Structure formats: C-alpha cells, structure tokens
Amino acid sequence: AAHDVLMYGAGPGHLHNYDHNVFPGAVPRTFAGSMILV
C-alpha cells in the first residue's frame, strides 16, 4: 500500500493500479498507516 501511494499517487485515476485490487486478502486493512508512513 505504501508502494502504491508513493509510486502512483493517491489520485482516483491511479487506484486501479493498486496491488490490493489484485490481492485483496481475507479482510480489508486500513491504508491509514501506509499513508502516514509515505
């Protein structure tokens, strides 16, 4: 998530590139920590 925010940006036009759309996991996790870290 930090990779995607840092490399693509957080604009709505880039969200389709994010990894969680391909590998969402069993439960959704917050982006808050990754955003703050970036």
PDB file of all heavy atoms in Angstrom:
ATOM      1  N   ALA A   1       0.837  -1.197   0.000  1.00  0.00           N
ATOM      2  CA  ALA A   1       0.000   0.000   0.000  1.00  0.00           C
ATOM      3  C   ALA A   1       0.876   1.253   0.000  1.00  0.00           C
ATOM      4  O   ALA A   1       0.596   2.224  -0.727  1.00  0.00           O
ATOM      5  CB  ALA A   1      -0.921  -0.007   1.219  1.00  0.00           C
ATOM      6  N   ALA A   2       1.950   1.242   0.780  1.00  0.00           N
ATOM      7  CA  ALA A   2       2.888   2.370   0.784  1.00  0.00           C
ATOM      8  C   ALA A   2       3.557   2.505  -0.581  1.00  0.00           C
ATOM      9  O   ALA A   2       3.762   3.626  -1.081  1.00  0.00           O
ATOM     10  CB  ALA A   2       3.933   2.172   1.879  1.00  0.00           C
ATOM     11  N   HIS A   3       3.914   1.374  -1.187  1.00  0.00           N
ATOM     12  CA  HIS A   3       4.499   1.383  -2.534  1.00  0.00           C
ATOM     13  C   HIS A   3       3.553   2.079  -3.513  1.00  0.00           C
ATOM     14  O   HIS A   3       3.957   2.959  -4.292  1.00  0.00           O
ATOM     15  CB  HIS A   3       4.766  -0.054  -2.993  1.00  0.00           C
ATOM     16  CG  HIS A   3       5.076  -0.196  -4.457  1.00  0.00           C
ATOM     17  ND1 HIS A   3       4.082  -0.277  -5.417  1.00  0.00           N
ATOM     18  CD2 HIS A   3       6.253  -0.273  -5.125  1.00  0.00           C
ATOM     19  CE1 HIS A   3       4.628  -0.392  -6.615  1.00  0.00           C
ATOM     20  NE2 HIS A   3       5.945  -0.397  -6.462  1.00  0.00           N
ATOM     21  N   ASP A   4       2.276   1.717  -3.474  1.00  0.00           N
ATOM     22  CA  ASP A   4       1.322   2.237  -4.448  1.00  0.00           C
ATOM     23  C   ASP A   4       1.063   3.725  -4.230  1.00  0.00           C
ATOM     24  O   ASP A   4       1.006   4.500  -5.193  1.00  0.00           O
ATOM     25  CB  ASP A   4       0.017   1.447  -4.371  1.00  0.00           C
ATOM     26  CG  ASP A   4       0.192   0.007  -4.821  1.00  0.00           C
ATOM     27  OD1 ASP A   4       1.152  -0.270  -5.570  1.00  0.00           O
ATOM     28  OD2 ASP A   4      -0.620  -0.849  -4.420  1.00  0.00           O
ATOM     29  N   VAL A   5       0.911   4.134  -2.968  1.00  0.00           N
ATOM     30  CA  VAL A   5       0.699   5.552  -2.680  1.00  0.00           C
ATOM     31  C   VAL A   5       1.917   6.363  -3.101  1.00  0.00           C
ATOM     32  O   VAL A   5       1.794   7.450  -3.691  1.00  0.00           O
ATOM     33  CB  VAL A   5       0.392   5.765  -1.181  1.00  0.00           C
ATOM     34  CG1 VAL A   5       0.339   7.255  -0.847  1.00  0.00           C
ATOM     35  CG2 VAL A   5      -0.925   5.097  -0.806  1.00  0.00           C
ATOM     36  N   LEU A   6       3.108   5.853  -2.826  1.00  0.00           N
ATOM     37  CA  LEU A   6       4.349   6.568  -3.138  1.00  0.00           C
ATOM     38  C   LEU A   6       4.616   6.620  -4.630  1.00  0.00           C
ATOM     39  O   LEU A   6       5.008   7.665  -5.176  1.00  0.00           O
ATOM     40  CB  LEU A   6       5.515   5.896  -2.414  1.00  0.00           C
ATOM     41  CG  LEU A   6       6.890   6.565  -2.511  1.00  0.00           C
ATOM     42  CD1 LEU A   6       6.858   7.959  -1.892  1.00  0.00           C
ATOM     43  CD2 LEU A   6       7.946   5.712  -1.823  1.00  0.00           C
ATOM     44  N   MET A   7       4.389   5.507  -5.321  1.00  0.00           N
ATOM     45  CA  MET A   7       4.768   5.412  -6.729  1.00  0.00           C
ATOM     46  C   MET A   7       3.693   5.916  -7.689  1.00  0.00           C
ATOM     47  O   MET A   7       3.999   6.489  -8.733  1.00  0.00           O
ATOM     48  CB  MET A   7       5.117   3.965  -7.070  1.00  0.00           C
ATOM     49  CG  MET A   7       6.288   3.403  -6.269  1.00  0.00           C
ATOM     50  SD  MET A   7       7.842   4.279  -6.550  1.00  0.00           S
ATOM     51  CE  MET A   7       8.226   3.781  -8.225  1.00  0.00           C
ATOM     52  N   TYR A   8       2.418   5.683  -7.368  1.00  0.00           N
ATOM     53  CA  TYR A   8       1.341   6.089  -8.256  1.00  0.00           C
ATOM     54  C   TYR A   8       0.687   7.406  -7.843  1.00  0.00           C
ATOM     55  O   TYR A   8       0.102   8.103  -8.673  1.00  0.00           O
ATOM     56  CB  TYR A   8       0.243   5.014  -8.304  1.00  0.00           C
ATOM     57  CG  TYR A   8       0.657   3.728  -8.962  1.00  0.00           C
ATOM     58  CD1 TYR A   8       0.791   2.568  -8.207  1.00  0.00           C
ATOM     59  CD2 TYR A   8       0.893   3.654 -10.333  1.00  0.00           C
ATOM     60  CE1 TYR A   8       1.151   1.366  -8.802  1.00  0.00           C
ATOM     61  CE2 TYR A   8       1.252   2.453 -10.939  1.00  0.00           C
ATOM     62  CZ  TYR A   8       1.378   1.316 -10.164  1.00  0.00           C
ATOM     63  OH  TYR A   8       1.738   0.135 -10.759  1.00  0.00           O
ATOM     64  N   GLY A   9       0.750   7.716  -6.545  1.00  0.00           N
ATOM     65  CA  GLY A   9      -0.028   8.819  -6.025  1.00  0.00           C
ATOM     66  C   GLY A   9      -1.392   8.341  -5.585  1.00  0.00           C
ATOM     67  O   GLY A   9      -1.803   7.213  -5.881  1.00  0.00           O
ATOM     68  N   ALA A  10      -2.108   9.186  -4.877  1.00  0.00           N
ATOM     69  CA  ALA A  10      -3.395   8.796  -4.290  1.00  0.00           C
ATOM     70  C   ALA A  10      -4.592   9.314  -5.079  1.00  0.00           C
ATOM     71  O   ALA A  10      -5.722   9.271  -4.591  1.00  0.00           O
ATOM     72  CB  ALA A  10      -3.484   9.293  -2.851  1.00  0.00           C
ATOM     73  N   GLY A  11      -4.366   9.796  -6.292  1.00  0.00           N
ATOM     74  CA  GLY A  11      -5.471  10.294  -7.109  1.00  0.00           C
ATOM     75  C   GLY A  11      -6.398   9.185  -7.554  1.00  0.00           C
ATOM     76  O   GLY A  11      -5.970   8.038  -7.737  1.00  0.00           O
ATOM     77  N   PRO A  12      -7.684   9.479  -7.753  1.00  0.00           N
ATOM     78  CA  PRO A  12      -8.646   8.436  -8.129  1.00  0.00           C
ATOM     79  C   PRO A  12      -8.325   7.752  -9.444  1.00  0.00           C
ATOM     80  O   PRO A  12      -8.706   6.603  -9.661  1.00  0.00           O
ATOM     81  CB  PRO A  12      -9.980   9.203  -8.200  1.00  0.00           C
ATOM     82  CG  PRO A  12      -9.603  10.645  -8.345  1.00  0.00           C
ATOM     83  CD  PRO A  12      -8.312  10.807  -7.625  1.00  0.00           C
ATOM     84  N   GLY A  13      -7.622   8.441 -10.341  1.00  0.00           N
ATOM     85  CA  GLY A  13      -7.285   7.835 -11.618  1.00  0.00           C
ATOM     86  C   GLY A  13      -6.214   6.767 -11.545  1.00  0.00           C
ATOM     87  O   GLY A  13      -5.981   6.054 -12.530  1.00  0.00           O
ATOM     88  N   HIS A  14      -5.566   6.627 -10.385  1.00  0.00           N
ATOM     89  CA  HIS A  14      -4.476   5.659 -10.241  1.00  0.00           C
ATOM     90  C   HIS A  14      -4.841   4.458  -9.374  1.00  0.00           C
ATOM     91  O   HIS A  14      -4.066   3.508  -9.275  1.00  0.00           O
ATOM     92  CB  HIS A  14      -3.242   6.344  -9.635  1.00  0.00           C
ATOM     93  CG  HIS A  14      -2.693   7.457 -10.462  1.00  0.00           C
ATOM     94  ND1 HIS A  14      -2.129   7.255 -11.702  1.00  0.00           N
ATOM     95  CD2 HIS A  14      -2.640   8.798 -10.228  1.00  0.00           C
ATOM     96  CE1 HIS A  14      -1.736   8.421 -12.198  1.00  0.00           C
ATOM     97  NE2 HIS A  14      -2.037   9.368 -11.339  1.00  0.00           N
ATOM     98  N   LEU A  15      -5.986   4.490  -8.725  1.00  0.00           N
ATOM     99  CA  LEU A  15      -6.319   3.443  -7.755  1.00  0.00           C
ATOM    100  C   LEU A  15      -6.445   2.065  -8.400  1.00  0.00           C
ATOM    101  O   LEU A  15      -6.224   1.051  -7.737  1.00  0.00           O
ATOM    102  CB  LEU A  15      -7.617   3.793  -7.020  1.00  0.00           C
ATOM    103  CG  LEU A  15      -7.584   5.058  -6.146  1.00  0.00           C
ATOM    104  CD1 LEU A  15      -8.890   5.195  -5.384  1.00  0.00           C
ATOM    105  CD2 LEU A  15      -6.406   5.042  -5.186  1.00  0.00           C
ATOM    106  N   HIS A  16      -6.782   2.009  -9.685  1.00  0.00           N
ATOM    107  CA  HIS A  16      -6.923   0.701 -10.339  1.00  0.00           C
ATOM    108  C   HIS A  16      -5.594  -0.030 -10.451  1.00  0.00           C
ATOM    109  O   HIS A  16      -5.557  -1.237 -10.668  1.00  0.00           O
ATOM    110  CB  HIS A  16      -7.537   0.866 -11.735  1.00  0.00           C
ATOM    111  CG  HIS A  16      -6.640   1.581 -12.714  1.00  0.00           C
ATOM    112  ND1 HIS A  16      -6.521   2.966 -12.746  1.00  0.00           N
ATOM    113  CD2 HIS A  16      -5.807   1.111 -13.679  1.00  0.00           C
ATOM    114  CE1 HIS A  16      -5.669   3.309 -13.694  1.00  0.00           C
ATOM    115  NE2 HIS A  16      -5.217   2.209 -14.273  1.00  0.00           N
ATOM    116  N   ASN A  17      -4.474   0.694 -10.293  1.00  0.00           N
ATOM    117  CA  ASN A  17      -3.149   0.068 -10.342  1.00  0.00           C
ATOM    118  C   ASN A  17      -2.730  -0.546  -9.016  1.00  0.00           C
ATOM    119  O   ASN A  17      -1.727  -1.266  -8.961  1.00  0.00           O
ATOM    120  CB  ASN A  17      -2.092   1.107 -10.744  1.00  0.00           C
ATOM    121  CG  ASN A  17      -2.257   1.604 -12.164  1.00  0.00           C
ATOM    122  OD1 ASN A  17      -2.437   0.810 -13.083  1.00  0.00           O
ATOM    123  ND2 ASN A  17      -2.206   2.918 -12.339  1.00  0.00           N
ATOM    124  N   TYR A  18      -3.470  -0.276  -7.955  1.00  0.00           N
ATOM    125  CA  TYR A  18      -3.042  -0.672  -6.623  1.00  0.00           C
ATOM    126  C   TYR A  18      -3.080  -2.194  -6.455  1.00  0.00           C
ATOM    127  O   TYR A  18      -3.971  -2.879  -6.970  1.00  0.00           O
ATOM    128  CB  TYR A  18      -3.923  -0.019  -5.562  1.00  0.00           C
ATOM    129  CG  TYR A  18      -3.532   1.409  -5.224  1.00  0.00           C
ATOM    130  CD1 TYR A  18      -2.988   2.262  -6.168  1.00  0.00           C
ATOM    131  CD2 TYR A  18      -3.707   1.903  -3.934  1.00  0.00           C
ATOM    132  CE1 TYR A  18      -2.639   3.565  -5.851  1.00  0.00           C
ATOM    133  CE2 TYR A  18      -3.367   3.198  -3.598  1.00  0.00           C
ATOM    134  CZ  TYR A  18      -2.833   4.032  -4.564  1.00  0.00           C
ATOM    135  OH  TYR A  18      -2.477   5.312  -4.240  1.00  0.00           O
ATOM    136  N   ASP A  19      -2.111  -2.691  -5.687  1.00  0.00           N
ATOM    137  CA  ASP A  19      -1.943  -4.138  -5.510  1.00  0.00           C
ATOM    138  C   ASP A  19      -3.117  -4.781  -4.793  1.00  0.00           C
ATOM    139  O   ASP A  19      -3.438  -5.937  -5.053  1.00  0.00           O
ATOM    140  CB  ASP A  19      -0.643  -4.394  -4.737  1.00  0.00           C
ATOM    141  CG  ASP A  19      -0.312  -5.872  -4.612  1.00  0.00           C
ATOM    142  OD1 ASP A  19       0.018  -6.499  -5.628  1.00  0.00           O
ATOM    143  OD2 ASP A  19      -0.418  -6.407  -3.488  1.00  0.00           O
ATOM    144  N   HIS A  20      -3.782  -4.056  -3.894  1.00  0.00           N
ATOM    145  CA  HIS A  20      -4.864  -4.676  -3.118  1.00  0.00           C
ATOM    146  C   HIS A  20      -6.065  -5.022  -3.990  1.00  0.00           C
ATOM    147  O   HIS A  20      -6.920  -5.811  -3.573  1.00  0.00           O
ATOM    148  CB  HIS A  20      -5.279  -3.773  -1.957  1.00  0.00           C
ATOM    149  CG  HIS A  20      -6.066  -2.568  -2.370  1.00  0.00           C
ATOM    150  ND1 HIS A  20      -5.480  -1.470  -2.952  1.00  0.00           N
ATOM    151  CD2 HIS A  20      -7.392  -2.278  -2.293  1.00  0.00           C
ATOM    152  CE1 HIS A  20      -6.407  -0.556  -3.194  1.00  0.00           C
ATOM    153  NE2 HIS A  20      -7.583  -1.030  -2.806  1.00  0.00           N
ATOM    154  N   ASN A  21      -6.148  -4.436  -5.170  1.00  0.00           N
ATOM    155  CA  ASN A  21      -7.221  -4.811  -6.092  1.00  0.00           C
ATOM    156  C   ASN A  21      -6.968  -6.161  -6.735  1.00  0.00           C
ATOM    157  O   ASN A  21      -7.896  -6.829  -7.186  1.00  0.00           O
ATOM    158  CB  ASN A  21      -7.378  -3.742  -7.177  1.00  0.00           C
ATOM    159  CG  ASN A  21      -7.943  -2.453  -6.623  1.00  0.00           C
ATOM    160  OD1 ASN A  21      -8.858  -2.472  -5.808  1.00  0.00           O
ATOM    161  ND2 ASN A  21      -7.392  -1.325  -7.048  1.00  0.00           N
ATOM    162  N   VAL A  22      -5.682  -6.572  -6.794  1.00  0.00           N
ATOM    163  CA  VAL A  22      -5.318  -7.882  -7.349  1.00  0.00           C
ATOM    164  C   VAL A  22      -5.263  -8.937  -6.248  1.00  0.00           C
ATOM    165  O   VAL A  22      -5.723 -10.066  -6.422  1.00  0.00           O
ATOM    166  CB  VAL A  22      -3.951  -7.798  -8.068  1.00  0.00           C
ATOM    167  CG1 VAL A  22      -3.580  -9.153  -8.673  1.00  0.00           C
ATOM    168  CG2 VAL A  22      -3.986  -6.720  -9.144  1.00  0.00           C
ATOM    169  N   PHE A  23      -4.687  -8.572  -5.086  1.00  0.00           N
ATOM    170  CA  PHE A  23      -4.565  -9.480  -3.941  1.00  0.00           C
ATOM    171  C   PHE A  23      -5.214  -8.823  -2.723  1.00  0.00           C
ATOM    172  O   PHE A  23      -4.528  -8.255  -1.873  1.00  0.00           O
ATOM    173  CB  PHE A  23      -3.092  -9.788  -3.659  1.00  0.00           C
ATOM    174  CG  PHE A  23      -2.359 -10.419  -4.810  1.00  0.00           C
ATOM    175  CD1 PHE A  23      -1.550  -9.660  -5.646  1.00  0.00           C
ATOM    176  CD2 PHE A  23      -2.491 -11.771  -5.071  1.00  0.00           C
ATOM    177  CE1 PHE A  23      -0.876 -10.238  -6.708  1.00  0.00           C
ATOM    178  CE2 PHE A  23      -1.823 -12.365  -6.132  1.00  0.00           C
ATOM    179  CZ  PHE A  23      -1.018 -11.600  -6.958  1.00  0.00           C
ATOM    180  N   PRO A  24      -6.546  -8.877  -2.617  1.00  0.00           N
ATOM    181  CA  PRO A  24      -7.237  -8.137  -1.557  1.00  0.00           C
ATOM    182  C   PRO A  24      -7.074  -8.716  -0.158  1.00  0.00           C
ATOM    183  O   PRO A  24      -7.261  -8.022   0.824  1.00  0.00           O
ATOM    184  CB  PRO A  24      -8.703  -8.200  -2.003  1.00  0.00           C
ATOM    185  CG  PRO A  24      -8.791  -9.438  -2.836  1.00  0.00           C
ATOM    186  CD  PRO A  24      -7.469  -9.565  -3.538  1.00  0.00           C
ATOM    187  N   GLY A  25      -6.749 -10.002  -0.019  1.00  0.00           N
ATOM    188  CA  GLY A  25      -6.638 -10.607   1.298  1.00  0.00           C
ATOM    189  C   GLY A  25      -7.991 -11.019   1.846  1.00  0.00           C
ATOM    190  O   GLY A  25      -9.049 -10.706   1.283  1.00  0.00           O
ATOM    191  N   ALA A  26      -7.960 -11.701   2.999  1.00  0.00           N
ATOM    192  CA  ALA A  26      -9.195 -12.218   3.598  1.00  0.00           C
ATOM    193  C   ALA A  26     -10.080 -11.104   4.127  1.00  0.00           C
ATOM    194  O   ALA A  26     -11.308 -11.175   4.041  1.00  0.00           O
ATOM    195  CB  ALA A  26      -8.848 -13.194   4.714  1.00  0.00           C
ATOM    196  N   VAL A  27      -9.464 -10.070   4.708  1.00  0.00           N
ATOM    197  CA  VAL A  27     -10.217  -8.934   5.242  1.00  0.00           C
ATOM    198  C   VAL A  27      -9.526  -7.647   4.795  1.00  0.00           C
ATOM    199  O   VAL A  27      -8.311  -7.616   4.609  1.00  0.00           O
ATOM    200  CB  VAL A  27     -10.297  -8.974   6.784  1.00  0.00           C
ATOM    201  CG1 VAL A  27     -11.104 -10.170   7.253  1.00  0.00           C
ATOM    202  CG2 VAL A  27      -8.904  -8.999   7.408  1.00  0.00           C
ATOM    203  N   PRO A  28     -10.291  -6.571   4.605  1.00  0.00           N
ATOM    204  CA  PRO A  28      -9.660  -5.291   4.242  1.00  0.00           C
ATOM    205  C   PRO A  28      -8.856  -4.727   5.407  1.00  0.00           C
ATOM    206  O   PRO A  28      -9.225  -4.884   6.568  1.00  0.00           O
ATOM    207  CB  PRO A  28     -10.857  -4.394   3.909  1.00  0.00           C
ATOM    208  CG  PRO A  28     -12.004  -4.996   4.645  1.00  0.00           C
ATOM    209  CD  PRO A  28     -11.751  -6.475   4.680  1.00  0.00           C
ATOM    210  N   ARG A  29      -7.747  -4.095   5.076  1.00  0.00           N
ATOM    211  CA  ARG A  29      -6.898  -3.451   6.079  1.00  0.00           C
ATOM    212  C   ARG A  29      -6.862  -1.955   5.826  1.00  0.00           C
ATOM    213  O   ARG A  29      -7.040  -1.497   4.703  1.00  0.00           O
ATOM    214  CB  ARG A  29      -5.469  -4.028   6.023  1.00  0.00           C
ATOM    215  CG  ARG A  29      -5.364  -5.489   6.443  1.00  0.00           C
ATOM    216  CD  ARG A  29      -5.739  -5.669   7.883  1.00  0.00           C
ATOM    217  NE  ARG A  29      -5.570  -7.035   8.351  1.00  0.00           N
ATOM    218  CZ  ARG A  29      -5.987  -7.462   9.533  1.00  0.00           C
ATOM    219  NH1 ARG A  29      -6.584  -6.626  10.362  1.00  0.00           N
ATOM    220  NH2 ARG A  29      -5.814  -8.717   9.912  1.00  0.00           N
ATOM    221  N   THR A  30      -6.582  -1.191   6.854  1.00  0.00           N
ATOM    222  CA  THR A  30      -6.580   0.249   6.709  1.00  0.00           C
ATOM    223  C   THR A  30      -5.355   0.744   5.938  1.00  0.00           C
ATOM    224  O   THR A  30      -4.255   0.206   6.062  1.00  0.00           O
ATOM    225  CB  THR A  30      -6.635   0.949   8.081  1.00  0.00           C
ATOM    226  OG1 THR A  30      -6.680   2.361   7.874  1.00  0.00           O
ATOM    227  CG2 THR A  30      -5.414   0.611   8.930  1.00  0.00           C
ATOM    228  N   PHE A  31      -5.563   1.775   5.149  1.00  0.00           N
ATOM    229  CA  PHE A  31      -4.483   2.459   4.448  1.00  0.00           C
ATOM    230  C   PHE A  31      -3.870   3.567   5.306  1.00  0.00           C
ATOM    231  O   PHE A  31      -2.893   4.196   4.883  1.00  0.00           O
ATOM    232  CB  PHE A  31      -5.012   3.070   3.152  1.00  0.00           C
ATOM    233  CG  PHE A  31      -4.956   2.154   1.966  1.00  0.00           C
ATOM    234  CD1 PHE A  31      -5.903   1.157   1.794  1.00  0.00           C
ATOM    235  CD2 PHE A  31      -3.959   2.276   1.012  1.00  0.00           C
ATOM    236  CE1 PHE A  31      -5.866   0.317   0.698  1.00  0.00           C
ATOM    237  CE2 PHE A  31      -3.901   1.429  -0.088  1.00  0.00           C
ATOM    238  CZ  PHE A  31      -4.857   0.444  -0.257  1.00  0.00           C
ATOM    239  N   ALA A  32      -4.432   3.825   6.475  1.00  0.00           N
ATOM    240  CA  ALA A  32      -4.012   4.978   7.272  1.00  0.00           C
ATOM    241  C   ALA A  32      -2.525   4.931   7.607  1.00  0.00           C
ATOM    242  O   ALA A  32      -1.811   5.927   7.436  1.00  0.00           O
ATOM    243  CB  ALA A  32      -4.844   5.055   8.549  1.00  0.00           C
ATOM    244  N   GLY A  33      -2.052   3.776   8.078  1.00  0.00           N
ATOM    245  CA  GLY A  33      -0.648   3.671   8.458  1.00  0.00           C
ATOM    246  C   GLY A  33       0.279   3.862   7.276  1.00  0.00           C
ATOM    247  O   GLY A  33       1.312   4.550   7.379  1.00  0.00           O
ATOM    248  N   SER A  34      -0.077   3.276   6.146  1.00  0.00           N
ATOM    249  CA  SER A  34       0.765   3.399   4.951  1.00  0.00           C
ATOM    250  C   SER A  34       0.809   4.838   4.454  1.00  0.00           C
ATOM    251  O   SER A  34       1.863   5.332   4.036  1.00  0.00           O
ATOM    252  CB  SER A  34       0.240   2.473   3.850  1.00  0.00           C
ATOM    253  OG  SER A  34       0.262   1.126   4.276  1.00  0.00           O
ATOM    254  N   MET A  35      -0.340   5.522   4.498  1.00  0.00           N
ATOM    255  CA  MET A  35      -0.368   6.925   4.083  1.00  0.00           C
ATOM    256  C   MET A  35       0.520   7.785   4.974  1.00  0.00           C
ATOM    257  O   MET A  35       1.311   8.608   4.490  1.00  0.00           O
ATOM    258  CB  MET A  35      -1.804   7.453   4.138  1.00  0.00           C
ATOM    259  CG  MET A  35      -2.698   7.004   3.000  1.00  0.00           C
ATOM    260  SD  MET A  35      -4.354   7.697   3.198  1.00  0.00           S
ATOM    261  CE  MET A  35      -3.994   9.447   3.334  1.00  0.00           C
ATOM    262  N   ILE A  36       0.383   7.604   6.280  1.00  0.00           N
ATOM    263  CA  ILE A  36       1.203   8.384   7.218  1.00  0.00           C
ATOM    264  C   ILE A  36       2.685   8.096   6.995  1.00  0.00           C
ATOM    265  O   ILE A  36       3.520   9.014   6.995  1.00  0.00           O
ATOM    266  CB  ILE A  36       0.799   8.069   8.670  1.00  0.00           C
ATOM    267  CG1 ILE A  36      -0.638   8.551   8.931  1.00  0.00           C
ATOM    268  CG2 ILE A  36       1.771   8.710   9.661  1.00  0.00           C
ATOM    269  CD1 ILE A  36      -1.228   8.068  10.238  1.00  0.00           C
ATOM    270  N   LEU A  37       3.015   6.819   6.783  1.00  0.00           N
ATOM    271  CA  LEU A  37       4.412   6.449   6.561  1.00  0.00           C
ATOM    272  C   LEU A  37       4.958   7.092   5.295  1.00  0.00           C
ATOM    273  O   LEU A  37       6.111   7.560   5.275  1.00  0.00           O
ATOM    274  CB  LEU A  37       4.526   4.925   6.478  1.00  0.00           C
ATOM    275  CG  LEU A  37       5.939   4.350   6.388  1.00  0.00           C
ATOM    276  CD1 LEU A  37       6.763   4.747   7.609  1.00  0.00           C
ATOM    277  CD2 LEU A  37       5.891   2.828   6.262  1.00  0.00           C
ATOM    278  N   VAL A  38       4.166   7.137   4.242  1.00  0.00           N
ATOM    279  CA  VAL A  38       4.603   7.782   2.998  1.00  0.00           C
ATOM    280  C   VAL A  38       4.812   9.272   3.215  1.00  0.00           C
ATOM    281  O   VAL A  38       5.807   9.848   2.741  1.00  0.00           O
ATOM    282  CB  VAL A  38       3.588   7.527   1.865  1.00  0.00           C
ATOM    283  CG1 VAL A  38       3.879   8.419   0.662  1.00  0.00           C
ATOM    284  CG2 VAL A  38       3.620   6.062   1.442  1.00  0.00           C
TER     285      VAL A  38
END
